C-alpha atoms as a PDB file:
ATOM      1  CA  MET A   1      -0.005  -0.011   0.007  1.00  0.00           C
ATOM      2  CA  LYS A   2       2.787   2.376   0.969  1.00  0.00           C
ATOM      3  CA  LYS A   3       4.643   1.588  -2.259  1.00  0.00           C
ATOM      4  CA  LEU A   4       1.392   2.199  -4.278  1.00  0.00           C
ATOM      5  CA  LEU A   5       0.874   5.505  -2.485  1.00  0.00           C
ATOM      6  CA  SER A   6       4.557   6.539  -3.163  1.00  0.00           C
ATOM      7  CA  LEU A   7       4.170   5.664  -6.912  1.00  0.00           C
ATOM      8  CA  VAL A   8       0.815   7.714  -7.069  1.00  0.00           C
ATOM      9  CA  LEU A   9       2.589  10.737  -5.399  1.00  0.00           C
ATOM     10  CA  ALA A  10       5.538  10.437  -7.738  1.00  0.00           C
ATOM     11  CA  ILE A  11       3.311  10.390 -10.790  1.00  0.00           C
ATOM     12  CA  ALA A  12       1.443  13.367  -9.554  1.00  0.00           C
ATOM     13  CA  MET A  13       4.629  15.269  -9.060  1.00  0.00           C
ATOM     14  CA  VAL A  14       5.867  14.459 -12.572  1.00  0.00           C
ATOM     15  CA  ALA A  15       2.529  15.538 -13.967  1.00  0.00           C
ATOM     16  CA  THR A  16       2.673  18.872 -12.124  1.00  0.00           C
ATOM     17  CA  MET A  17       6.108  19.517 -13.415  1.00  0.00           C
ATOM     18  CA  ALA A  18       5.019  18.702 -16.976  1.00  0.00           C
ATOM     19  CA  LEU A  19       2.166  21.046 -16.728  1.00  0.00           C
ATOM     20  CA  ALA A  20       4.293  23.923 -15.581  1.00  0.00           C
ATOM     21  CA  PHE A  21       6.897  23.149 -18.209  1.00  0.00           C
ATOM     22  CA  THR A  22       4.260  23.016 -20.957  1.00  0.00           C
ATOM     23  CA  SER A  23       2.641  26.274 -19.772  1.00  0.00           C
ATOM     24  CA  CYS A  24       6.038  28.015 -19.736  1.00  0.00           C
ATOM     25  CA  LYS A  25       6.953  26.586 -23.133  1.00  0.00           C
ATOM     26  CA  SER A  26       3.599  27.684 -24.632  1.00  0.00           C
ATOM     27  CA  GLU A  27       3.960  31.207 -23.336  1.00  0.00           C
ATOM     28  CA  LYS A  28       7.423  31.559 -24.885  1.00  0.00           C
ATOM     29  CA  ASN A  29       6.056  30.131 -28.218  1.00  0.00           C
ATOM     30  CA  ALA A  30       3.482  32.794 -28.256  1.00  0.00           C
ATOM     31  CA  TYR A  31       6.193  35.541 -28.780  1.00  0.00           C
ATOM     32  CA  GLU A  32       8.218  33.534 -31.327  1.00  0.00           C
ATOM     33  CA  GLY A  33       9.716  35.857 -33.933  1.00  0.00           C
ATOM     34  CA  LEU A  34      10.136  38.742 -31.569  1.00  0.00           C
ATOM     35  CA  THR A  35      13.474  40.063 -30.599  1.00  0.00           C
ATOM     36  CA  ILE A  36      15.147  42.920 -28.525  1.00  0.00           C
ATOM     37  CA  LEU A  37      16.237  45.863 -30.667  1.00  0.00           C
ATOM     38  CA  GLU A  38      19.765  46.486 -29.328  1.00  0.00           C
ATOM     39  CA  SER A  39      20.038  50.046 -28.204  1.00  0.00           C
ATOM     40  CA  ASP A  40      21.508  52.157 -25.438  1.00  0.00           C
ATOM     41  CA  LEU A  41      18.426  54.451 -25.486  1.00  0.00           C
ATOM     42  CA  PHE A  42      17.074  53.293 -22.157  1.00  0.00           C
ATOM     43  CA  GLU A  43      18.621  53.703 -18.691  1.00  0.00           C
ATOM     44  CA  THR A  44      19.050  51.137 -16.029  1.00  0.00           C
ATOM     45  CA  GLU A  45      16.617  51.095 -13.019  1.00  0.00           C
ATOM     46  CA  GLU A  46      15.997  49.391  -9.593  1.00  0.00           C
ATOM     47  CA  TYR A  47      13.269  47.196  -8.328  1.00  0.00           C
ATOM     48  CA  GLY A  48      11.761  47.790  -4.785  1.00  0.00           C
ATOM     49  CA  ILE A  49       8.668  47.059  -2.823  1.00  0.00           C
ATOM     50  CA  ALA A  50       6.289  49.864  -1.899  1.00  0.00           C
ATOM     51  CA  PHE A  51       4.151  50.237   1.254  1.00  0.00           C
ATOM     52  CA  ARG A  52       1.754  52.903   2.480  1.00  0.00           C
ATOM     53  CA  LYS A  53       3.412  56.209   3.363  1.00  0.00           C
ATOM     54  CA  GLY A  54       4.441  56.383   7.033  1.00  0.00           C
ATOM     55  CA  SER A  55       4.396  52.517   7.463  1.00  0.00           C
ATOM     56  CA  THR A  56       7.329  50.727   9.069  1.00  0.00           C
ATOM     57  CA  MET A  57       6.693  47.715   6.856  1.00  0.00           C
ATOM     58  CA  ALA A  58       9.356  48.816   4.428  1.00  0.00           C
ATOM     59  CA  LYS A  59      11.992  48.500   7.164  1.00  0.00           C
ATOM     60  CA  GLU A  60      10.603  45.208   8.548  1.00  0.00           C
ATOM     61  CA  VAL A  61      10.829  43.647   4.974  1.00  0.00           C
ATOM     62  CA  ASP A  62      14.367  45.247   4.494  1.00  0.00           C
ATOM     63  CA  ALA A  63      15.669  43.474   7.588  1.00  0.00           C
ATOM     64  CA  ILE A  64      14.269  39.953   6.474  1.00  0.00           C
ATOM     65  CA  ILE A  65      15.548  40.282   2.806  1.00  0.00           C
ATOM     66  CA  ALA A  66      18.992  41.190   4.283  1.00  0.00           C
ATOM     67  CA  GLU A  67      18.801  37.861   6.233  1.00  0.00           C
ATOM     68  CA  LEU A  68      17.625  35.910   3.039  1.00  0.00           C
ATOM     69  CA  VAL A  69      20.430  37.315   1.103  1.00  0.00           C
ATOM     70  CA  LYS A  70      22.939  36.487   3.794  1.00  0.00           C
ATOM     71  CA  ASP A  71      21.760  32.782   4.162  1.00  0.00           C
ATOM     72  CA  GLY A  72      21.815  32.345   0.313  1.00  0.00           C
ATOM     73  CA  THR A  73      17.937  32.050  -0.160  1.00  0.00           C
ATOM     74  CA  VAL A  74      17.716  35.045  -2.448  1.00  0.00           C
ATOM     75  CA  ALA A  75      20.522  33.545  -4.715  1.00  0.00           C
ATOM     76  CA  GLU A  76      18.814  30.292  -4.638  1.00  0.00           C
ATOM     77  CA  ILE A  77      15.534  31.610  -5.960  1.00  0.00           C
ATOM     78  CA  ALA A  78      17.303  33.762  -8.402  1.00  0.00           C
ATOM     79  CA  GLU A  79      19.106  30.947  -9.901  1.00  0.00           C
ATOM     80  CA  LYS A  80      15.809  28.890 -10.159  1.00  0.00           C
ATOM     81  CA  TYR A  81      14.204  31.761 -12.285  1.00  0.00           C
ATOM     82  CA  GLU A  82      17.442  32.653 -14.119  1.00  0.00           C
ATOM     83  CA  VAL A  83      17.594  36.227 -12.877  1.00  0.00           C
ATOM     84  CA  SER A  84      20.877  35.999 -10.863  1.00  0.00           C
ATOM     85  CA  ASP A  85      22.776  38.448 -13.192  1.00  0.00           C
ATOM     86  CA  SER A  86      20.090  41.060 -12.217  1.00  0.00           C
ATOM     87  CA  LEU A  87      20.482  40.994  -8.497  1.00  0.00           C
ATOM     88  CA  VAL A  88      22.079  43.970  -6.768  1.00  0.00           C
ATOM     89  CA  LYS A  89      25.581  43.345  -5.860  1.00  0.00           C
ATOM     90  CA  GLU A  90      25.013  44.326  -2.201  1.00  0.00           C
ATOM     91  CA  PHE A  91      21.399  44.739  -0.695  1.00  0.00           C
ATOM     92  CA  SER A  92      21.007  47.541   1.724  1.00  0.00           C
ATOM     93  CA  ASN A  93      18.011  49.050   3.554  1.00  0.00           C
ATOM     94  CA  GLY A  94      16.021  51.716   1.776  1.00  0.00           C
ATOM     95  CA  ALA A  95      15.690  55.374   2.929  1.00  0.00           C
ATOM     96  CA  SER A  96      12.605  54.874   4.868  1.00  0.00           C
ATOM     97  CA  THR A  97      12.599  56.395   8.473  1.00  0.00           C
ATOM     98  CA  ALA A  98       8.903  55.766   8.987  1.00  0.00           C
ATOM     99  CA  THR A  99       7.666  55.169  12.627  1.00  0.00           C
ATOM    100  CA  ASP A 100       3.958  54.215  12.114  1.00  0.00           C
ATOM    101  CA  THR A 101       3.518  50.494  13.170  1.00  0.00           C
ATOM    102  CA  LYS A 102      -0.252  50.537  12.288  1.00  0.00           C
ATOM    103  CA  ASP A 103       0.106  48.601   9.116  1.00  0.00           C
ATOM    104  CA  PHE A 104       2.512  46.053  10.726  1.00  0.00           C
ATOM    105  CA  ASP A 105       0.137  45.442  13.483  1.00  0.00           C
ATOM    106  CA  ALA A 106      -2.799  45.042  11.238  1.00  0.00           C
ATOM    107  CA  ILE A 107      -0.997  42.537   8.914  1.00  0.00           C
ATOM    108  CA  LYS A 108       0.024  40.478  11.921  1.00  0.00           C
ATOM    109  CA  ALA A 109      -3.512  40.432  13.346  1.00  0.00           C
ATOM    110  CA  LYS A 110      -5.107  39.429  10.011  1.00  0.00           C
ATOM    111  CA  GLY A 111      -2.407  36.809   9.415  1.00  0.00           C
ATOM    112  CA  LYS A 112      -1.636  37.806   5.797  1.00  0.00           C
ATOM    113  CA  LEU A 113       0.181  40.288   3.522  1.00  0.00           C
ATOM    114  CA  VAL A 114      -2.023  41.250   0.527  1.00  0.00           C
ATOM    115  CA  ILE A 115       0.425  41.814  -2.278  1.00  0.00           C
ATOM    116  CA  GLY A 116      -0.544  43.809  -5.359  1.00  0.00           C
ATOM    117  CA  THR A 117       0.849  42.115  -8.506  1.00  0.00           C
ATOM    118  CA  THR A 118       0.436  41.474 -12.324  1.00  0.00           C
ATOM    119  CA  VAL A 119       1.166  38.482 -14.359  1.00  0.00           C
ATOM    120  CA  TRP A 120       4.651  38.527 -15.985  1.00  0.00           C
ATOM    121  CA  ALA A 121       7.313  36.151 -16.020  1.00  0.00           C
ATOM    122  CA  PRO A 122       9.809  35.472 -14.404  1.00  0.00           C
ATOM    123  CA  MET A 123       8.721  37.729 -11.436  1.00  0.00           C
ATOM    124  CA  ASN A 124       5.117  36.769 -10.816  1.00  0.00           C
ATOM    125  CA  TYR A 125       3.087  34.321 -13.044  1.00  0.00           C
ATOM    126  CA  LYS A 126       0.973  31.205 -12.784  1.00  0.00           C
ATOM    127  CA  ASP A 127       2.031  27.715 -13.413  1.00  0.00           C
ATOM    128  CA  GLY A 128      -0.054  25.000 -15.238  1.00  0.00           C
ATOM    129  CA  GLN A 129      -2.229  24.530 -12.294  1.00  0.00           C
ATOM    130  CA  GLY A 130      -2.936  28.197 -11.752  1.00  0.00           C
ATOM    131  CA  LYS A 131      -0.567  28.632  -8.821  1.00  0.00           C
ATOM    132  CA  TRP A 132       1.426  31.819  -8.475  1.00  0.00           C
ATOM    133  CA  VAL A 133       5.171  31.351  -9.045  1.00  0.00           C
ATOM    134  CA  GLY A 134       8.149  33.409  -9.990  1.00  0.00           C
ATOM    135  CA  PHE A 135      11.148  35.096  -8.360  1.00  0.00           C
ATOM    136  CA  ASP A 136       9.038  37.794  -6.622  1.00  0.00           C
ATOM    137  CA  THR A 137       6.361  35.298  -5.657  1.00  0.00           C
ATOM    138  CA  GLU A 138       8.747  33.017  -3.845  1.00  0.00           C
ATOM    139  CA  LEU A 139      10.783  35.782  -2.328  1.00  0.00           C
ATOM    140  CA  ALA A 140       7.629  37.344  -0.975  1.00  0.00           C
ATOM    141  CA  GLU A 141       6.473  33.923   0.412  1.00  0.00           C
ATOM    142  CA  LYS A 142       9.807  33.465   2.106  1.00  0.00           C
ATOM    143  CA  VAL A 143       9.438  37.033   3.733  1.00  0.00           C
ATOM    144  CA  CYS A 144       6.049  36.158   4.827  1.00  0.00           C
ATOM    145  CA  GLU A 145       7.229  33.038   6.461  1.00  0.00           C
ATOM    146  CA  LYS A 146       9.616  35.039   8.525  1.00  0.00           C
ATOM    147  CA  LEU A 147       6.873  37.653   9.356  1.00  0.00           C
ATOM    148  CA  GLY A 148       4.687  34.777  10.516  1.00  0.00           C
ATOM    149  CA  VAL A 149       1.920  35.524   7.913  1.00  0.00           C
ATOM    150  CA  THR A 150       0.578  34.173   4.633  1.00  0.00           C
ATOM    151  CA  ALA A 151       1.329  35.826   1.307  1.00  0.00           C
ATOM    152  CA  GLU A 152      -1.815  36.599  -0.636  1.00  0.00           C
ATOM    153  CA  PHE A 153      -1.454  37.654  -4.252  1.00  0.00           C
ATOM    154  CA  ARG A 154      -4.006  39.928  -5.751  1.00  0.00           C
ATOM    155  CA  GLU A 155      -3.869  40.829  -9.397  1.00  0.00           C
ATOM    156  CA  ILE A 156      -4.252  44.578  -9.926  1.00  0.00           C
ATOM    157  CA  ASP A 157      -4.313  47.036 -12.882  1.00  0.00           C
ATOM    158  CA  TRP A 158      -0.759  48.336 -12.760  1.00  0.00           C
ATOM    159  CA  ASP A 159      -1.798  51.860 -13.699  1.00  0.00           C
ATOM    160  CA  ASN A 160      -3.982  52.002 -10.530  1.00  0.00           C
ATOM    161  CA  LYS A 161      -1.393  50.518  -8.194  1.00  0.00           C
ATOM    162  CA  LEU A 162      -0.904  53.563  -5.950  1.00  0.00           C
ATOM    163  CA  PHE A 163      -4.758  54.028  -5.685  1.00  0.00           C
ATOM    164  CA  GLU A 164      -5.093  50.347  -4.629  1.00  0.00           C
ATOM    165  CA  LEU A 165      -2.350  50.802  -1.979  1.00  0.00           C
ATOM    166  CA  GLU A 166      -3.964  53.965  -0.633  1.00  0.00           C
ATOM    167  CA  ALA A 167      -7.355  52.507  -0.596  1.00  0.00           C
ATOM    168  CA  GLY A 168      -6.149  49.489   1.433  1.00  0.00           C
ATOM    169  CA  THR A 169      -7.200  46.860  -0.987  1.00  0.00           C
ATOM    170  CA  ILE A 170      -3.558  45.716  -1.010  1.00  0.00           C
ATOM    171  CA  ASP A 171      -0.782  46.045   1.616  1.00  0.00           C
ATOM    172  CA  CYS A 172       2.090  46.489  -0.790  1.00  0.00           C
ATOM    173  CA  ILE A 173       3.173  46.646  -4.355  1.00  0.00           C
ATOM    174  CA  TRP A 174       5.659  43.769  -5.180  1.00  0.00           C
ATOM    175  CA  ASN A 175       5.957  42.943  -8.835  1.00  0.00           C
ATOM    176  CA  GLY A 176       9.259  44.082 -10.395  1.00  0.00           C
ATOM    177  CA  MET A 177       8.349  47.670  -9.400  1.00  0.00           C
ATOM    178  CA  THR A 178      10.746  50.334 -10.599  1.00  0.00           C
ATOM    179  CA  ILE A 179      11.821  52.780  -7.844  1.00  0.00           C
ATOM    180  CA  THR A 180      10.983  56.274  -9.316  1.00  0.00           C
ATOM    181  CA  PRO A 181      10.808  59.702  -7.659  1.00  0.00           C
ATOM    182  CA  ALA A 182       7.042  59.496  -7.842  1.00  0.00           C
ATOM    183  CA  ILE A 183       6.959  56.144  -6.143  1.00  0.00           C
ATOM    184  CA  SER A 184       9.381  57.219  -3.441  1.00  0.00           C
ATOM    185  CA  SER A 185       7.486  60.396  -2.789  1.00  0.00           C
ATOM    186  CA  ALA A 186       4.026  58.565  -2.577  1.00  0.00           C
ATOM    187  CA  CYS A 187       5.172  55.454  -0.633  1.00  0.00           C
ATOM    188  CA  GLU A 188       7.667  53.942   1.789  1.00  0.00           C
ATOM    189  CA  VAL A 189      10.029  51.858  -0.377  1.00  0.00           C
ATOM    190  CA  SER A 190      12.166  48.959   0.540  1.00  0.00           C
ATOM    191  CA  GLY A 191      15.928  48.831  -0.543  1.00  0.00           C
ATOM    192  CA  ALA A 192      16.641  47.930  -4.168  1.00  0.00           C
ATOM    193  CA  TYR A 193      17.101  44.130  -4.626  1.00  0.00           C
ATOM    194  CA  MET A 194      17.278  43.979  -8.394  1.00  0.00           C
ATOM    195  CA  ILE A 195      18.777  45.927 -11.206  1.00  0.00           C
ATOM    196  CA  ASN A 196      16.783  46.049 -14.554  1.00  0.00           C
ATOM    197  CA  GLY A 197      16.268  48.267 -17.679  1.00  0.00           C
ATOM    198  CA  GLN A 198      13.673  48.847 -20.321  1.00  0.00           C
ATOM    199  CA  VAL A 199      14.117  47.506 -23.831  1.00  0.00           C
ATOM    200  CA  ILE A 200      12.360  47.845 -27.251  1.00  0.00           C
ATOM    201  CA  VAL A 201      10.908  44.664 -28.622  1.00  0.00           C
ATOM    202  CA  ILE A 202      10.202  44.392 -32.422  1.00  0.00           C
ATOM    203  CA  LYS A 203       9.583  41.724 -35.018  1.00  0.00           C
ATOM    204  CA  GLU A 204      12.921  40.165 -36.129  1.00  0.00           C
ATOM    205  CA  GLY A 205      14.522  42.246 -38.855  1.00  0.00           C
ATOM    206  CA  ALA A 206      11.793  44.852 -38.719  1.00  0.00           C
ATOM    207  CA  PHE A 207      13.985  47.830 -37.643  1.00  0.00           C
ATOM    208  CA  ALA A 208      17.698  48.593 -37.454  1.00  0.00           C
ATOM    209  CA  ASN A 209      17.570  51.184 -34.625  1.00  0.00           C
ATOM    210  CA  ALA A 210      15.251  53.167 -32.429  1.00  0.00           C
ATOM    211  CA  SER A 211      15.134  56.193 -34.783  1.00  0.00           C
ATOM    212  CA  GLU A 212      13.288  54.140 -37.397  1.00  0.00           C
ATOM    213  CA  LEU A 213      10.263  54.121 -34.919  1.00  0.00           C
ATOM    214  CA  ALA A 214       9.503  57.811 -35.541  1.00  0.00           C
ATOM    215  CA  GLY A 215       5.989  57.996 -36.744  1.00  0.00           C
ATOM    216  CA  LYS A 216       5.242  54.306 -35.571  1.00  0.00           C
ATOM    217  CA  GLN A 217       3.038  53.063 -32.756  1.00  0.00           C
ATOM    218  CA  VAL A 218       4.771  51.735 -29.694  1.00  0.00           C
ATOM    219  CA  ALA A 219       2.890  49.711 -27.051  1.00  0.00           C
ATOM    220  CA  VAL A 220       3.629  49.979 -23.374  1.00  0.00           C
ATOM    221  CA  GLU A 221       2.076  48.843 -20.107  1.00  0.00           C
ATOM    222  CA  GLY A 222       0.028  51.728 -18.714  1.00  0.00           C
ATOM    223  CA  GLY A 223       1.687  53.310 -15.526  1.00  0.00           C
ATOM    224  CA  SER A 224       4.924  51.450 -16.134  1.00  0.00           C
ATOM    225  CA  ALA A 225       8.567  52.582 -16.342  1.00  0.00           C
ATOM    226  CA  GLY A 226       8.379  51.421 -19.916  1.00  0.00           C
ATOM    227  CA  GLU A 227       5.578  54.036 -20.632  1.00  0.00           C
ATOM    228  CA  GLN A 228       7.559  56.733 -18.945  1.00  0.00           C
ATOM    229  CA  GLN A 229      10.815  56.139 -20.756  1.00  0.00           C
ATOM    230  CA  ALA A 230       9.065  55.551 -24.185  1.00  0.00           C
ATOM    231  CA  THR A 231       7.182  58.835 -23.895  1.00  0.00           C
ATOM    232  CA  GLU A 232      10.336  60.681 -22.861  1.00  0.00           C
ATOM    233  CA  LYS A 233      12.673  59.175 -25.470  1.00  0.00           C
ATOM    234  CA  LEU A 234      10.592  58.029 -28.442  1.00  0.00           C
ATOM    235  CA  THR A 235       9.170  61.515 -28.982  1.00  0.00           C
ATOM    236  CA  GLY A 236       8.449  60.820 -32.713  1.00  0.00           C
ATOM    237  CA  SER A 237       6.397  57.649 -31.921  1.00  0.00           C
ATOM    238  CA  THR A 238       2.737  57.198 -31.007  1.00  0.00           C
ATOM    239  CA  ILE A 239       2.691  55.590 -27.436  1.00  0.00           C
ATOM    240  CA  LYS A 240      -0.173  53.176 -26.846  1.00  0.00           C
ATOM    241  CA  PRO A 241      -0.842  52.133 -23.201  1.00  0.00           C
ATOM    242  CA  VAL A 242      -2.277  48.658 -22.668  1.00  0.00           C
ATOM    243  CA  GLY A 243      -3.165  46.599 -19.766  1.00  0.00           C
ATOM    244  CA  ALA A 244      -0.011  44.330 -19.294  1.00  0.00           C
ATOM    245  CA  GLN A 245       3.495  43.959 -20.622  1.00  0.00           C
ATOM    246  CA  THR A 246       2.394  40.703 -22.219  1.00  0.00           C
ATOM    247  CA  ASP A 247      -0.342  42.613 -23.927  1.00  0.00           C
ATOM    248  CA  ALA A 248       2.334  44.930 -25.240  1.00  0.00           C
ATOM    249  CA  LEU A 249       4.266  41.905 -26.633  1.00  0.00           C
ATOM    250  CA  LEU A 250       1.120  40.584 -28.332  1.00  0.00           C
ATOM    251  CA  GLU A 251       0.491  44.033 -30.015  1.00  0.00           C
ATOM    252  CA  VAL A 252       3.824  43.486 -31.755  1.00  0.00           C
ATOM    253  CA  LYS A 253       3.216  39.867 -32.528  1.00  0.00           C
ATOM    254  CA  ALA A 254      -0.182  40.720 -34.181  1.00  0.00           C
ATOM    255  CA  GLY A 255       1.369  43.723 -35.964  1.00  0.00           C
ATOM    256  CA  THR A 256      -0.961  46.263 -34.428  1.00  0.00           C
ATOM    257  CA  SER A 257       2.034  48.066 -32.884  1.00  0.00           C
ATOM    258  CA  SER A 258       5.367  48.223 -34.539  1.00  0.00           C
ATOM    259  CA  ALA A 259       7.247  47.919 -31.244  1.00  0.00           C
ATOM    260  CA  CYS A 260       6.837  47.702 -27.452  1.00  0.00           C
ATOM    261  CA  VAL A 261       8.906  48.865 -24.523  1.00  0.00           C
ATOM    262  CA  ILE A 262       9.000  46.252 -21.567  1.00  0.00           C
ATOM    263  CA  ASP A 263      11.380  45.218 -18.894  1.00  0.00           C
ATOM    264  CA  TYR A 264      14.532  43.597 -19.873  1.00  0.00           C
ATOM    265  CA  VAL A 265      14.212  40.872 -17.317  1.00  0.00           C
ATOM    266  CA  MET A 266      10.893  39.887 -18.781  1.00  0.00           C
ATOM    267  CA  ALA A 267      12.139  40.005 -22.345  1.00  0.00           C
ATOM    268  CA  LYS A 268      15.026  37.866 -21.606  1.00  0.00           C
ATOM    269  CA  SER A 269      12.841  35.357 -19.929  1.00  0.00           C
ATOM    270  CA  LEU A 270      10.062  35.118 -22.653  1.00  0.00           C
ATOM    271  CA  LEU A 271      12.155  35.686 -25.646  1.00  0.00           C
ATOM    272  CA  GLY A 272      15.124  33.797 -24.588  1.00  0.00           C
ATOM    273  CA  LYS A 273      17.448  36.624 -25.593  1.00  0.00           C
END
């Protein structure tokens, strides 16, 4: 009986892994024929986690991430999702000096941290069984374990992320979020744990350089760093905000937009570049 049970569990595990692999492979196949337009047009940026203004949660999370960096957990998760080359060389606490413990006490009392996120690999996405996975997903789960609470992921409209945070429908924004002056002004932000950049994605062979996008439509995720940088630097292009970075990629795939601007980490993961 025990042998039969072990066999059944082993088969179930293999099936789960196969589903996840098939889902990941299918997602990559959806963007076949797209490539990164090599350019030094876009600046590097840093990822952080945003909490409500005045909340001590940023400092609490900073302390835990520092522990997870030290014991090798962060490096292990990064290797699993192939983002090791994007980790900051040395993690350090953010600039928050907040003293309000109200959020921390409320999160501990309800036993969960509600995390505002969107679907994009390799940071936060769903496997073949609909379970949240990804670098940010697993890092958040490890942090929550240390806090003694459960991580609850809530998919949001990225363009409304600050409204969701202020309204209290989420406790933090944790989804490859670029630290910008606007975010730092409106929120308490953790230390930077990852370095990233924005890149232009096109159909293979469509354009030789960014200047050829003048007069063309470029898709971006609304409210993202990609939208900000495309608006600032592709001044001759028509910038089209869409719901998610994957939607921006599909715009290019379908030919409804000539290019899109998305995160390098995501482009590298989905396009294999």
